[in-house]
Amino acid sequence: MKALRFLIITLLVIASFVPVSCNKGPIQYTFEGTITESVSQSAAEGVEILLYQKLVNNGVASNSFSFATSTTSDIGGNYLMAINREKVTAFRLEFEKTNYFPVKIEVSSADITTENPNEFSEELEAISWVNFQLKNTFPEDTDHFKLITQTFREDCEGCAVNAVADFYGPLDTSFTYATTAGEYVKFIYVNVTESTSTFDSIYTTPFETIVYPIIY
């Protein structure tokens, strides 16, 4: 019995000097932030955040982004996501929500750290639509009409180009432009034939289509 007790004590002493291996998890990139919306400045819940990366395979850097992971913002507009570290040259973050203009950010991997969370907080701009309805009630082939958009959002799907649009002859048409909500858009329309012009502006209500008829 004494021999058994001596053996157990000896084993415990030996075990106390044996180093315990620490199984660390993989090194990761972590991304976090808070998303707000532009009109109310409140937290934007349910925003989809997608992360893409340009990988380096066999020493060759890819020219295109590949999907890495995604998440959605919580009730406070906050998000958090992490991916295992790989050899990459760049990251792209995309923020998307229905009826908001999407946001895309590209950043070099040299600016991303594995030591601390990388913060990317964004403000999403709500979409509004303006529907112009143009009609010439007594058309003639020589009629000439101009619509000049001035402060509409540009360079996006469904957006306007702030320029002069000319219309000739009979006219009965409508078209819709997407633009940033919570602002005033300005425009001028000119009946060249009658030598009259009108300047006007519209407040763009979030998520709504404002109909603006022009009958001449």
Protein backbone atom coordinates (compact mmCIF):
# COMPACT_ATOMS: atom_id res chain seq x y z
CA MET A 1 0.00 0.00 0.00
CA LYS A 2 2.86 2.36 0.89
CA ALA A 3 4.53 1.50 -2.40
CA LEU A 4 1.37 2.42 -4.34
CA ARG A 5 1.03 5.74 -2.52
CA PHE A 6 4.70 6.51 -3.24
CA LEU A 7 4.17 5.73 -6.94
CA ILE A 8 1.14 8.05 -7.18
CA ILE A 9 2.98 10.91 -5.47
CA THR A 10 5.98 10.40 -7.76
CA LEU A 11 3.78 10.54 -10.88
CA LEU A 12 2.08 13.72 -9.65
CA VAL A 13 5.43 15.41 -9.06
CA ILE A 14 6.65 14.44 -12.54
CA ALA A 15 3.41 15.66 -14.13
CA SER A 16 3.82 19.06 -12.51
CA PHE A 17 7.02 19.59 -14.51
CA VAL A 18 5.59 18.48 -17.86
CA PRO A 19 4.71 21.52 -20.02
CA VAL A 20 1.06 21.73 -21.02
CA SER A 21 0.55 22.38 -24.72
CA CYS A 22 -1.66 25.38 -25.57
CA ASN A 23 -3.85 24.67 -28.56
CA LYS A 24 -4.42 28.15 -29.91
CA GLY A 25 -7.05 28.69 -32.57
CA PRO A 26 -6.23 29.99 -36.04
CA ILE A 27 -5.14 33.60 -36.45
CA GLN A 28 -8.11 35.65 -37.62
CA TYR A 29 -9.10 38.96 -39.17
CA THR A 30 -12.01 40.54 -37.28
CA PHE A 31 -14.28 43.25 -38.68
CA GLU A 32 -16.81 45.28 -36.72
CA GLY A 33 -18.72 48.53 -36.86
CA THR A 34 -22.02 50.36 -36.50
CA ILE A 35 -24.38 51.17 -39.38
CA THR A 36 -26.70 54.18 -39.28
CA GLU A 37 -29.18 55.61 -41.77
CA SER A 38 -28.84 59.12 -43.15
CA VAL A 39 -32.25 60.74 -42.62
CA SER A 40 -33.01 59.91 -38.97
CA GLN A 41 -29.40 59.18 -37.95
CA SER A 42 -30.75 56.10 -36.16
CA ALA A 43 -29.26 52.60 -36.08
CA ALA A 44 -29.83 50.57 -39.24
CA GLU A 45 -30.94 47.06 -38.35
CA GLY A 46 -30.86 44.19 -40.84
CA VAL A 47 -28.12 45.55 -43.07
CA GLU A 48 -26.30 42.76 -44.89
CA ILE A 49 -22.53 43.06 -44.69
CA LEU A 50 -20.57 40.99 -47.18
CA LEU A 51 -16.82 40.49 -47.04
CA TYR A 52 -14.70 39.62 -50.08
CA GLN A 53 -10.95 39.13 -50.41
CA LYS A 54 -8.28 38.92 -53.11
CA LEU A 55 -6.38 35.72 -52.40
CA VAL A 56 -2.76 34.86 -53.16
CA ASN A 57 -2.42 31.30 -54.47
CA ASN A 58 1.00 29.76 -55.14
CA GLY A 59 2.56 33.20 -55.01
CA VAL A 60 0.14 34.63 -57.59
CA ALA A 61 -2.27 37.38 -56.53
CA SER A 62 -5.80 37.11 -57.86
CA ASN A 63 -7.23 40.02 -59.85
CA SER A 64 -10.76 39.36 -58.60
CA PHE A 65 -12.44 39.24 -55.22
CA SER A 66 -13.83 36.01 -53.81
CA PHE A 67 -16.55 35.77 -51.18
CA ALA A 68 -15.30 35.22 -47.61
CA THR A 69 -18.24 35.62 -45.23
CA SER A 70 -21.29 37.73 -44.41
CA THR A 71 -23.44 38.85 -41.49
CA THR A 72 -26.27 41.29 -40.69
CA SER A 73 -26.43 44.25 -38.34
CA ASP A 74 -28.39 43.86 -35.10
CA ILE A 75 -31.07 46.11 -33.61
CA GLY A 76 -28.38 48.59 -32.59
CA GLY A 77 -26.88 48.65 -36.07
CA ASN A 78 -23.81 46.74 -34.88
CA TYR A 79 -22.06 43.89 -36.65
CA LEU A 80 -19.11 41.60 -36.00
CA MET A 81 -17.52 38.96 -38.22
CA ALA A 82 -14.22 37.11 -38.42
CA ILE A 83 -12.36 34.97 -40.94
CA ASN A 84 -9.19 32.88 -40.72
CA ARG A 85 -6.11 34.70 -41.97
CA GLU A 86 -4.96 33.82 -45.45
CA LYS A 87 -2.55 35.40 -47.88
CA VAL A 88 -4.53 38.25 -49.42
CA THR A 89 -3.80 41.58 -51.09
CA ALA A 90 -7.08 43.40 -50.50
CA PHE A 91 -10.52 43.25 -48.92
CA ARG A 92 -13.89 44.58 -50.03
CA LEU A 93 -16.81 45.27 -47.70
CA GLU A 94 -20.32 45.71 -49.08
CA PHE A 95 -23.25 47.10 -47.08
CA GLU A 96 -26.72 46.43 -48.50
CA LYS A 97 -30.31 46.94 -47.42
CA THR A 98 -33.53 47.19 -49.43
CA ASN A 99 -34.45 50.81 -50.34
CA TYR A 100 -30.99 52.09 -49.42
CA PHE A 101 -28.09 52.87 -51.73
CA PRO A 102 -25.40 50.18 -51.31
CA VAL A 103 -21.93 51.09 -50.03
CA LYS A 104 -18.71 49.40 -51.15
CA ILE A 105 -15.30 49.83 -49.51
CA GLU A 106 -12.00 48.43 -50.76
CA VAL A 107 -8.98 48.38 -48.49
CA SER A 108 -5.44 47.03 -48.82
CA SER A 109 -4.52 44.08 -46.63
CA ALA A 110 -1.61 46.20 -45.38
CA ASP A 111 -4.16 48.34 -43.56
CA ILE A 112 -5.86 45.37 -41.86
CA THR A 113 -4.55 43.92 -38.61
CA THR A 114 -5.00 40.61 -36.81
CA GLU A 115 -4.17 42.11 -33.42
CA ASN A 116 -7.37 44.16 -32.95
CA PRO A 117 -10.81 44.37 -34.58
CA ASN A 118 -10.85 46.44 -37.76
CA GLU A 119 -13.64 49.00 -37.52
CA PHE A 120 -15.72 50.05 -40.52
CA SER A 121 -18.80 52.06 -39.57
CA GLU A 122 -21.00 53.40 -42.36
CA GLU A 123 -24.06 55.58 -43.00
CA LEU A 124 -26.56 54.29 -45.55
CA GLU A 125 -28.56 56.77 -47.63
CA ALA A 126 -32.26 56.06 -48.10
CA ILE A 127 -33.67 56.04 -51.63
CA SER A 128 -36.50 58.21 -52.95
CA TRP A 129 -37.90 58.26 -56.50
CA VAL A 130 -39.13 61.14 -58.65
CA ASN A 131 -41.52 60.27 -61.46
CA PHE A 132 -41.85 62.90 -64.21
CA GLN A 133 -44.99 62.72 -66.36
CA LEU A 134 -44.69 64.86 -69.49
CA LYS A 135 -47.62 65.51 -71.82
CA ASN A 136 -48.11 67.88 -74.72
CA THR A 137 -51.87 68.52 -74.94
CA PHE A 138 -51.86 70.17 -78.38
CA PRO A 139 -48.85 68.61 -80.07
CA GLU A 140 -47.22 69.83 -83.23
CA ASP A 141 -44.19 68.42 -84.99
CA THR A 142 -42.28 71.65 -84.41
CA ASP A 143 -42.73 71.63 -80.62
CA HIS A 144 -39.57 71.68 -78.51
CA PHE A 145 -39.41 70.99 -74.75
CA LYS A 146 -36.44 70.83 -72.35
CA LEU A 147 -36.07 69.28 -68.90
CA ILE A 148 -32.93 70.26 -67.02
CA THR A 149 -32.17 68.21 -63.89
CA GLN A 150 -29.72 69.89 -61.52
CA THR A 151 -29.21 68.30 -58.10
CA PHE A 152 -30.29 64.70 -58.58
CA ARG A 153 -28.05 61.86 -57.48
CA GLU A 154 -25.87 60.55 -60.30
CA ASP A 155 -23.69 57.51 -61.08
CA CYS A 156 -26.00 54.82 -59.74
CA GLU A 157 -28.51 52.36 -61.14
CA GLY A 158 -31.72 54.20 -62.00
CA CYS A 159 -30.27 57.61 -61.23
CA ALA A 160 -30.40 60.70 -63.40
CA VAL A 161 -27.70 62.57 -65.25
CA ASN A 162 -27.78 66.24 -64.33
CA ALA A 163 -28.01 67.64 -67.82
CA VAL A 164 -30.40 68.95 -70.47
CA ALA A 165 -32.91 66.50 -71.99
CA ASP A 166 -34.54 67.65 -75.22
CA PHE A 167 -37.93 66.48 -76.48
CA TYR A 168 -39.37 67.26 -79.90
CA GLY A 169 -42.83 67.02 -81.41
CA PRO A 170 -45.70 65.13 -79.72
CA LEU A 171 -44.85 64.14 -76.17
CA ASP A 172 -46.66 61.80 -73.77
CA THR A 173 -44.18 59.92 -71.60
CA SER A 174 -43.05 59.29 -68.03
CA PHE A 175 -39.78 58.24 -66.42
CA THR A 176 -38.50 57.77 -62.88
CA TYR A 177 -35.17 58.72 -61.29
CA ALA A 178 -33.79 57.28 -58.05
CA THR A 179 -32.13 59.85 -55.81
CA THR A 180 -31.03 60.43 -52.23
CA ALA A 181 -33.92 60.81 -49.79
CA GLY A 182 -34.27 63.66 -47.34
CA GLU A 183 -33.05 66.34 -49.75
CA TYR A 184 -34.42 68.83 -52.26
CA VAL A 185 -33.81 68.12 -55.92
CA LYS A 186 -33.92 71.06 -58.32
CA PHE A 187 -34.87 71.19 -61.99
CA ILE A 188 -35.99 73.53 -64.76
CA TYR A 189 -38.39 72.82 -67.59
CA VAL A 190 -38.60 74.96 -70.69
CA ASN A 191 -41.25 75.17 -73.37
CA VAL A 192 -38.93 76.41 -76.09
CA THR A 193 -41.77 76.87 -78.57
CA GLU A 194 -43.67 79.20 -76.23
CA SER A 195 -40.51 80.77 -74.75
CA THR A 196 -41.52 79.93 -71.15
CA SER A 197 -39.47 78.35 -68.38
CA THR A 198 -40.18 77.18 -64.84
CA PHE A 199 -37.79 76.46 -61.97
CA ASP A 200 -38.97 74.07 -59.25
CA SER A 201 -37.73 71.74 -56.50
CA ILE A 202 -39.09 68.65 -54.75
CA TYR A 203 -38.39 67.27 -51.29
CA THR A 204 -37.51 63.59 -51.63
CA THR A 205 -39.43 61.64 -49.01
CA PRO A 206 -37.64 58.40 -47.95
CA PHE A 207 -38.90 55.23 -49.66
CA GLU A 208 -41.61 57.08 -51.61
CA THR A 209 -42.18 57.95 -55.28
CA ILE A 210 -43.07 61.60 -55.85
CA VAL A 211 -45.10 62.11 -59.02
CA TYR A 212 -44.49 65.40 -60.86
CA PRO A 213 -46.76 66.02 -63.88
CA ILE A 214 -45.84 68.61 -66.50
CA ILE A 215 -48.64 69.36 -68.92
CA TYR A 216 -48.16 72.03 -71.55
